[in-house]
């Protein structure tokens, strides 16, 4: 069993955040749900595949920060993702860096001020 089962990324403006993540990662979010006084948009998720489920979460308990945990997103083309992110107002916090012969990481700031990481293997 994988230890991490679900991740919620804090956002101040759910509509702005879903626009950012949809554009940068080329994904679509389902319906926004209300849960325990918060609003959430869940990332696409398929049972039986690697990775944890996740959501963008807006509510009193969710405070975006550049100093918290870092969520890594698997991407096929890290350069294209960085370019889309910067075009959507993102800031590169840690430039594309090799972590092996053909593996790379980078860190960017999302639309809400969170530090997120990109990884390609």
N, C-alpha and C. Protein backbone atom coordinates (compact mmCIF):
# COMPACT_ATOMS: atom_id res chain seq x y z
N UNK A 1 0.85 -1.19 0.00
CA UNK A 1 0.00 0.00 0.00
C UNK A 1 0.89 1.24 0.00
N UNK A 2 0.53 2.22 -0.80
CA UNK A 2 1.24 3.50 -0.80
C UNK A 2 0.79 4.32 0.40
N UNK A 3 1.73 4.97 1.06
CA UNK A 3 1.44 5.74 2.26
C UNK A 3 0.57 6.96 1.97
N UNK A 4 0.89 7.69 0.91
CA UNK A 4 0.13 8.90 0.57
C UNK A 4 -1.10 8.49 -0.23
N UNK A 5 -2.29 8.86 0.26
CA UNK A 5 -3.51 8.47 -0.45
C UNK A 5 -4.23 9.65 -1.09
N UNK A 6 -4.07 10.86 -0.53
CA UNK A 6 -4.79 12.02 -1.07
C UNK A 6 -4.06 13.30 -0.66
N UNK A 7 -4.05 14.28 -1.57
CA UNK A 7 -3.40 15.56 -1.32
C UNK A 7 -4.38 16.67 -1.65
N UNK A 8 -4.43 17.70 -0.80
CA UNK A 8 -5.25 18.88 -1.08
C UNK A 8 -4.33 20.10 -1.12
N UNK A 9 -4.36 20.80 -2.24
CA UNK A 9 -3.54 21.99 -2.43
C UNK A 9 -4.38 23.21 -2.09
N UNK A 10 -3.94 24.01 -1.10
CA UNK A 10 -4.72 25.19 -0.69
C UNK A 10 -4.76 26.25 -1.79
N UNK A 11 -5.93 26.83 -1.99
CA UNK A 11 -6.07 27.93 -2.95
C UNK A 11 -6.93 29.03 -2.35
N UNK A 12 -6.67 30.26 -2.76
CA UNK A 12 -7.47 31.40 -2.31
C UNK A 12 -8.64 31.64 -3.26
N UNK A 13 -8.48 31.31 -4.54
CA UNK A 13 -9.51 31.53 -5.54
C UNK A 13 -9.60 30.28 -6.41
N UNK A 14 -10.61 29.47 -6.18
CA UNK A 14 -10.73 28.17 -6.85
C UNK A 14 -10.85 28.30 -8.36
N UNK A 15 -11.58 29.28 -8.84
CA UNK A 15 -11.73 29.44 -10.28
C UNK A 15 -10.40 29.81 -10.94
N UNK A 16 -9.66 30.72 -10.34
CA UNK A 16 -8.34 31.10 -10.86
C UNK A 16 -7.40 29.90 -10.85
N UNK A 17 -7.42 29.15 -9.76
CA UNK A 17 -6.53 28.00 -9.62
C UNK A 17 -6.86 26.90 -10.63
N UNK A 18 -8.17 26.60 -10.81
CA UNK A 18 -8.51 25.56 -11.78
C UNK A 18 -8.12 25.99 -13.18
N UNK A 19 -8.25 27.27 -13.50
CA UNK A 19 -7.82 27.77 -14.80
C UNK A 19 -6.32 27.57 -14.98
N UNK A 20 -5.54 27.91 -13.96
CA UNK A 20 -4.08 27.76 -14.02
C UNK A 20 -3.71 26.29 -14.23
N UNK A 21 -4.19 25.41 -13.38
CA UNK A 21 -3.80 24.00 -13.46
C UNK A 21 -4.31 23.35 -14.75
N UNK A 22 -5.52 23.69 -15.19
CA UNK A 22 -6.04 23.14 -16.44
C UNK A 22 -5.18 23.55 -17.62
N UNK A 23 -4.78 24.83 -17.66
CA UNK A 23 -3.95 25.33 -18.75
C UNK A 23 -2.54 24.75 -18.71
N UNK A 24 -1.92 24.78 -17.55
CA UNK A 24 -0.53 24.35 -17.42
C UNK A 24 -0.38 22.85 -17.66
N UNK A 25 -1.30 22.05 -17.14
CA UNK A 25 -1.16 20.60 -17.23
C UNK A 25 -2.05 19.95 -18.29
N UNK A 26 -2.87 20.74 -18.97
CA UNK A 26 -3.71 20.20 -20.03
C UNK A 26 -4.72 19.19 -19.52
N UNK A 27 -5.36 19.52 -18.39
CA UNK A 27 -6.34 18.62 -17.78
C UNK A 27 -7.69 19.31 -17.65
N UNK A 28 -8.70 18.53 -17.34
CA UNK A 28 -10.02 19.09 -17.07
C UNK A 28 -10.45 18.66 -15.68
N UNK A 29 -11.07 19.57 -14.97
CA UNK A 29 -11.62 19.28 -13.65
C UNK A 29 -13.10 18.96 -13.81
N UNK A 30 -13.60 18.12 -12.92
CA UNK A 30 -15.04 17.84 -12.87
C UNK A 30 -15.75 18.96 -12.15
N UNK A 31 -16.92 18.68 -11.66
CA UNK A 31 -17.71 19.66 -10.92
C UNK A 31 -17.03 20.05 -9.61
N UNK A 32 -17.17 21.29 -9.24
CA UNK A 32 -16.69 21.75 -7.94
C UNK A 32 -17.65 21.21 -6.88
N UNK A 33 -17.08 20.66 -5.82
CA UNK A 33 -17.91 20.09 -4.76
C UNK A 33 -17.75 20.90 -3.48
N UNK A 34 -18.81 20.94 -2.69
CA UNK A 34 -18.78 21.57 -1.37
C UNK A 34 -18.65 20.46 -0.35
N UNK A 35 -17.65 20.59 0.52
CA UNK A 35 -17.38 19.55 1.50
C UNK A 35 -16.90 20.18 2.80
N UNK A 36 -17.64 20.00 3.88
CA UNK A 36 -17.26 20.50 5.20
C UNK A 36 -16.96 22.00 5.20
N UNK A 37 -17.75 22.78 4.50
CA UNK A 37 -17.57 24.22 4.47
C UNK A 37 -16.49 24.71 3.53
N UNK A 38 -15.94 23.82 2.72
CA UNK A 38 -14.91 24.19 1.75
C UNK A 38 -15.38 23.83 0.35
N UNK A 39 -14.71 24.39 -0.64
CA UNK A 39 -14.98 24.07 -2.04
C UNK A 39 -13.77 23.34 -2.60
N UNK A 40 -14.00 22.30 -3.40
CA UNK A 40 -12.90 21.51 -3.95
C UNK A 40 -13.13 21.17 -5.41
N UNK A 41 -12.01 21.15 -6.13
CA UNK A 41 -11.99 20.67 -7.51
C UNK A 41 -10.97 19.54 -7.56
N UNK A 42 -11.43 18.35 -7.90
CA UNK A 42 -10.55 17.18 -7.88
C UNK A 42 -9.80 17.02 -9.20
N UNK A 43 -8.51 16.66 -9.06
CA UNK A 43 -7.70 16.34 -10.22
C UNK A 43 -8.21 15.03 -10.83
N UNK A 44 -8.02 14.86 -12.15
CA UNK A 44 -8.37 13.57 -12.76
C UNK A 44 -7.62 12.45 -12.04
N UNK A 45 -8.29 11.32 -11.84
CA UNK A 45 -7.70 10.20 -11.12
C UNK A 45 -8.27 8.90 -11.64
N UNK A 46 -7.41 7.91 -11.86
CA UNK A 46 -7.84 6.60 -12.31
C UNK A 46 -7.39 5.56 -11.31
N UNK A 47 -8.33 4.78 -10.80
CA UNK A 47 -8.02 3.69 -9.86
C UNK A 47 -7.04 2.72 -10.52
N UNK A 48 -6.14 2.18 -9.73
CA UNK A 48 -5.22 1.17 -10.21
C UNK A 48 -3.97 1.71 -10.88
N UNK A 49 -3.85 3.02 -11.02
CA UNK A 49 -2.66 3.63 -11.60
C UNK A 49 -1.82 4.24 -10.49
N UNK A 50 -0.53 4.45 -10.75
CA UNK A 50 0.35 5.07 -9.77
C UNK A 50 -0.12 6.47 -9.43
N UNK A 51 0.15 6.90 -8.20
CA UNK A 51 -0.15 8.25 -7.78
C UNK A 51 -1.32 8.32 -6.82
N UNK A 52 -1.40 9.43 -6.12
CA UNK A 52 -2.46 9.66 -5.14
C UNK A 52 -3.54 10.55 -5.75
N UNK A 53 -4.72 10.50 -5.19
CA UNK A 53 -5.76 11.43 -5.61
C UNK A 53 -5.44 12.80 -5.03
N UNK A 54 -6.02 13.83 -5.63
CA UNK A 54 -5.75 15.17 -5.14
C UNK A 54 -6.82 16.14 -5.54
N UNK A 55 -6.81 17.29 -4.88
CA UNK A 55 -7.80 18.32 -5.16
C UNK A 55 -7.22 19.69 -4.87
N UNK A 56 -7.76 20.69 -5.52
CA UNK A 56 -7.54 22.08 -5.16
C UNK A 56 -8.62 22.39 -4.13
N UNK A 57 -8.24 23.01 -3.03
CA UNK A 57 -9.20 23.22 -1.94
C UNK A 57 -9.21 24.68 -1.49
N UNK A 58 -10.42 25.25 -1.44
CA UNK A 58 -10.63 26.63 -1.03
C UNK A 58 -11.51 26.64 0.21
N UNK A 59 -11.04 27.29 1.25
CA UNK A 59 -11.82 27.39 2.48
C UNK A 59 -10.98 27.98 3.59
N UNK A 60 -11.59 28.21 4.70
CA UNK A 60 -10.92 28.86 5.83
C UNK A 60 -9.65 28.13 6.27
N UNK A 61 -9.65 26.82 6.23
CA UNK A 61 -8.49 26.04 6.69
C UNK A 61 -7.38 25.94 5.65
N UNK A 62 -7.62 26.41 4.43
CA UNK A 62 -6.66 26.25 3.34
C UNK A 62 -5.96 27.57 3.05
N UNK A 63 -4.68 27.64 3.39
CA UNK A 63 -3.89 28.85 3.22
C UNK A 63 -2.70 28.54 2.30
N UNK A 64 -2.69 29.11 1.09
CA UNK A 64 -1.57 28.86 0.18
C UNK A 64 -0.25 29.36 0.79
N UNK A 65 0.84 28.67 0.47
CA UNK A 65 2.15 29.07 0.96
C UNK A 65 3.25 28.53 0.05
N UNK A 66 4.31 29.27 -0.02
CA UNK A 66 5.48 28.81 -0.76
C UNK A 66 6.40 27.99 0.16
N UNK A 67 6.09 27.97 1.45
CA UNK A 67 6.96 27.32 2.44
C UNK A 67 6.45 25.99 2.96
N UNK A 68 5.38 25.45 2.41
CA UNK A 68 4.82 24.20 2.91
C UNK A 68 5.35 22.99 2.16
N UNK A 69 4.61 21.91 2.27
CA UNK A 69 4.97 20.68 1.56
C UNK A 69 4.98 20.94 0.06
N UNK A 70 5.82 20.22 -0.65
CA UNK A 70 5.93 20.39 -2.10
C UNK A 70 5.32 19.17 -2.78
N UNK A 71 4.33 19.41 -3.62
CA UNK A 71 3.70 18.35 -4.40
C UNK A 71 4.41 18.26 -5.74
N UNK A 72 4.81 17.04 -6.12
CA UNK A 72 5.47 16.81 -7.40
C UNK A 72 4.46 16.31 -8.43
N UNK A 73 4.45 16.95 -9.60
CA UNK A 73 3.58 16.55 -10.69
C UNK A 73 4.42 15.88 -11.77
N UNK A 74 4.03 14.69 -12.19
CA UNK A 74 4.71 13.97 -13.27
C UNK A 74 4.26 14.57 -14.59
N UNK A 75 5.23 14.94 -15.41
CA UNK A 75 4.92 15.52 -16.72
C UNK A 75 5.79 14.86 -17.79
N UNK A 76 5.29 14.81 -19.00
CA UNK A 76 6.04 14.22 -20.10
C UNK A 76 7.06 15.20 -20.67
N UNK A 77 6.71 16.49 -20.73
CA UNK A 77 7.58 17.51 -21.34
C UNK A 77 7.71 18.68 -20.36
N UNK A 78 8.74 18.65 -19.55
CA UNK A 78 8.91 19.65 -18.50
C UNK A 78 9.09 21.05 -19.07
N UNK A 79 9.78 21.16 -20.21
CA UNK A 79 9.98 22.48 -20.83
C UNK A 79 8.66 23.11 -21.26
N UNK A 80 7.80 22.30 -21.87
CA UNK A 80 6.49 22.81 -22.32
C UNK A 80 5.63 23.24 -21.13
N UNK A 81 5.68 22.47 -20.04
CA UNK A 81 4.88 22.81 -18.86
C UNK A 81 5.39 24.10 -18.23
N UNK A 82 6.70 24.25 -18.13
CA UNK A 82 7.27 25.49 -17.58
C UNK A 82 6.86 26.68 -18.44
N UNK A 83 6.93 26.52 -19.76
CA UNK A 83 6.56 27.61 -20.68
C UNK A 83 5.10 28.01 -20.50
N UNK A 84 4.21 27.02 -20.40
CA UNK A 84 2.79 27.34 -20.20
C UNK A 84 2.56 28.01 -18.84
N UNK A 85 3.27 27.52 -17.83
CA UNK A 85 3.12 28.10 -16.48
C UNK A 85 3.56 29.56 -16.46
N UNK A 86 4.72 29.83 -17.02
CA UNK A 86 5.22 31.21 -17.05
C UNK A 86 4.29 32.09 -17.87
N UNK A 87 3.76 31.56 -18.96
CA UNK A 87 2.80 32.30 -19.78
C UNK A 87 1.50 32.58 -19.04
N UNK A 88 1.23 31.81 -18.00
CA UNK A 88 0.01 31.98 -17.20
C UNK A 88 0.33 32.70 -15.89
N UNK A 89 1.51 33.38 -15.83
CA UNK A 89 1.84 34.21 -14.68
C UNK A 89 2.68 33.55 -13.61
N UNK A 90 3.14 32.33 -13.84
CA UNK A 90 3.94 31.61 -12.86
C UNK A 90 5.36 32.15 -12.79
N UNK A 91 6.01 31.86 -11.68
CA UNK A 91 7.41 32.21 -11.46
C UNK A 91 8.18 30.92 -11.28
N UNK A 92 9.34 30.79 -11.93
CA UNK A 92 10.19 29.63 -11.75
C UNK A 92 10.99 29.84 -10.46
N UNK A 93 10.83 28.91 -9.51
CA UNK A 93 11.50 29.01 -8.21
C UNK A 93 12.79 28.19 -8.18
N UNK A 94 12.83 27.11 -8.96
CA UNK A 94 14.00 26.25 -9.06
C UNK A 94 14.04 25.80 -10.51
N UNK A 95 15.09 26.16 -11.25
CA UNK A 95 15.11 25.88 -12.68
C UNK A 95 15.21 24.38 -12.99
N UNK A 96 14.87 24.04 -14.21
CA UNK A 96 14.98 22.65 -14.68
C UNK A 96 16.39 22.14 -14.38
N UNK A 97 16.45 21.03 -13.66
CA UNK A 97 17.72 20.47 -13.22
C UNK A 97 17.70 18.96 -13.42
N UNK A 98 18.78 18.43 -13.96
CA UNK A 98 18.88 16.99 -14.17
C UNK A 98 19.01 16.26 -12.84
N UNK A 99 18.31 15.13 -12.74
CA UNK A 99 18.45 14.26 -11.57
C UNK A 99 18.83 12.85 -12.03
N UNK A 100 19.29 12.75 -13.23
CA UNK A 100 19.69 11.49 -13.84
C UNK A 100 19.98 11.76 -15.30
N UNK A 101 20.20 10.70 -16.07
CA UNK A 101 20.54 10.88 -17.49
C UNK A 101 19.42 11.55 -18.28
N UNK A 102 18.16 11.18 -18.00
CA UNK A 102 17.05 11.77 -18.73
C UNK A 102 15.90 12.16 -17.81
N UNK A 103 16.20 12.38 -16.56
CA UNK A 103 15.19 12.78 -15.59
C UNK A 103 15.47 14.20 -15.12
N UNK A 104 14.41 14.98 -14.97
CA UNK A 104 14.56 16.38 -14.60
C UNK A 104 13.51 16.78 -13.56
N UNK A 105 13.83 17.80 -12.79
CA UNK A 105 12.88 18.42 -11.88
C UNK A 105 12.96 19.93 -12.04
N UNK A 106 11.91 20.61 -11.64
CA UNK A 106 11.86 22.08 -11.57
C UNK A 106 10.79 22.43 -10.56
N UNK A 107 10.84 23.64 -10.04
CA UNK A 107 9.80 24.11 -9.12
C UNK A 107 9.29 25.44 -9.61
N UNK A 108 7.96 25.60 -9.52
CA UNK A 108 7.31 26.84 -9.94
C UNK A 108 6.33 27.27 -8.86
N UNK A 109 5.88 28.51 -8.96
CA UNK A 109 4.84 29.02 -8.08
C UNK A 109 3.53 28.96 -8.85
N UNK A 110 2.49 28.39 -8.24
CA UNK A 110 1.19 28.33 -8.91
C UNK A 110 0.48 29.68 -8.80
N UNK A 111 -0.72 29.76 -9.33
CA UNK A 111 -1.47 31.02 -9.34
C UNK A 111 -1.83 31.51 -7.94
N UNK A 112 -1.76 30.63 -6.95
CA UNK A 112 -2.17 30.97 -5.59
C UNK A 112 -1.00 31.27 -4.66
N UNK A 113 0.24 31.06 -5.14
CA UNK A 113 1.41 31.30 -4.32
C UNK A 113 2.03 30.05 -3.73
N UNK A 114 1.53 28.86 -4.11
CA UNK A 114 2.10 27.61 -3.63
C UNK A 114 3.33 27.23 -4.46
N UNK A 115 4.31 26.63 -3.81
CA UNK A 115 5.46 26.06 -4.50
C UNK A 115 5.04 24.65 -4.91
N UNK A 116 5.12 24.35 -6.22
CA UNK A 116 4.86 23.00 -6.72
C UNK A 116 6.05 22.58 -7.56
N UNK A 117 6.23 21.28 -7.69
CA UNK A 117 7.36 20.76 -8.44
C UNK A 117 6.89 19.98 -9.66
N UNK A 118 7.73 19.99 -10.67
CA UNK A 118 7.50 19.24 -11.90
C UNK A 118 8.59 18.20 -11.98
N UNK A 119 8.25 17.01 -12.45
CA UNK A 119 9.23 15.94 -12.56
C UNK A 119 8.96 15.15 -13.82
N UNK A 120 10.01 14.86 -14.55
CA UNK A 120 9.91 13.99 -15.71
C UNK A 120 10.98 12.93 -15.56
N UNK A 121 10.60 11.70 -15.85
CA UNK A 121 11.55 10.58 -15.73
C UNK A 121 11.83 9.95 -17.07
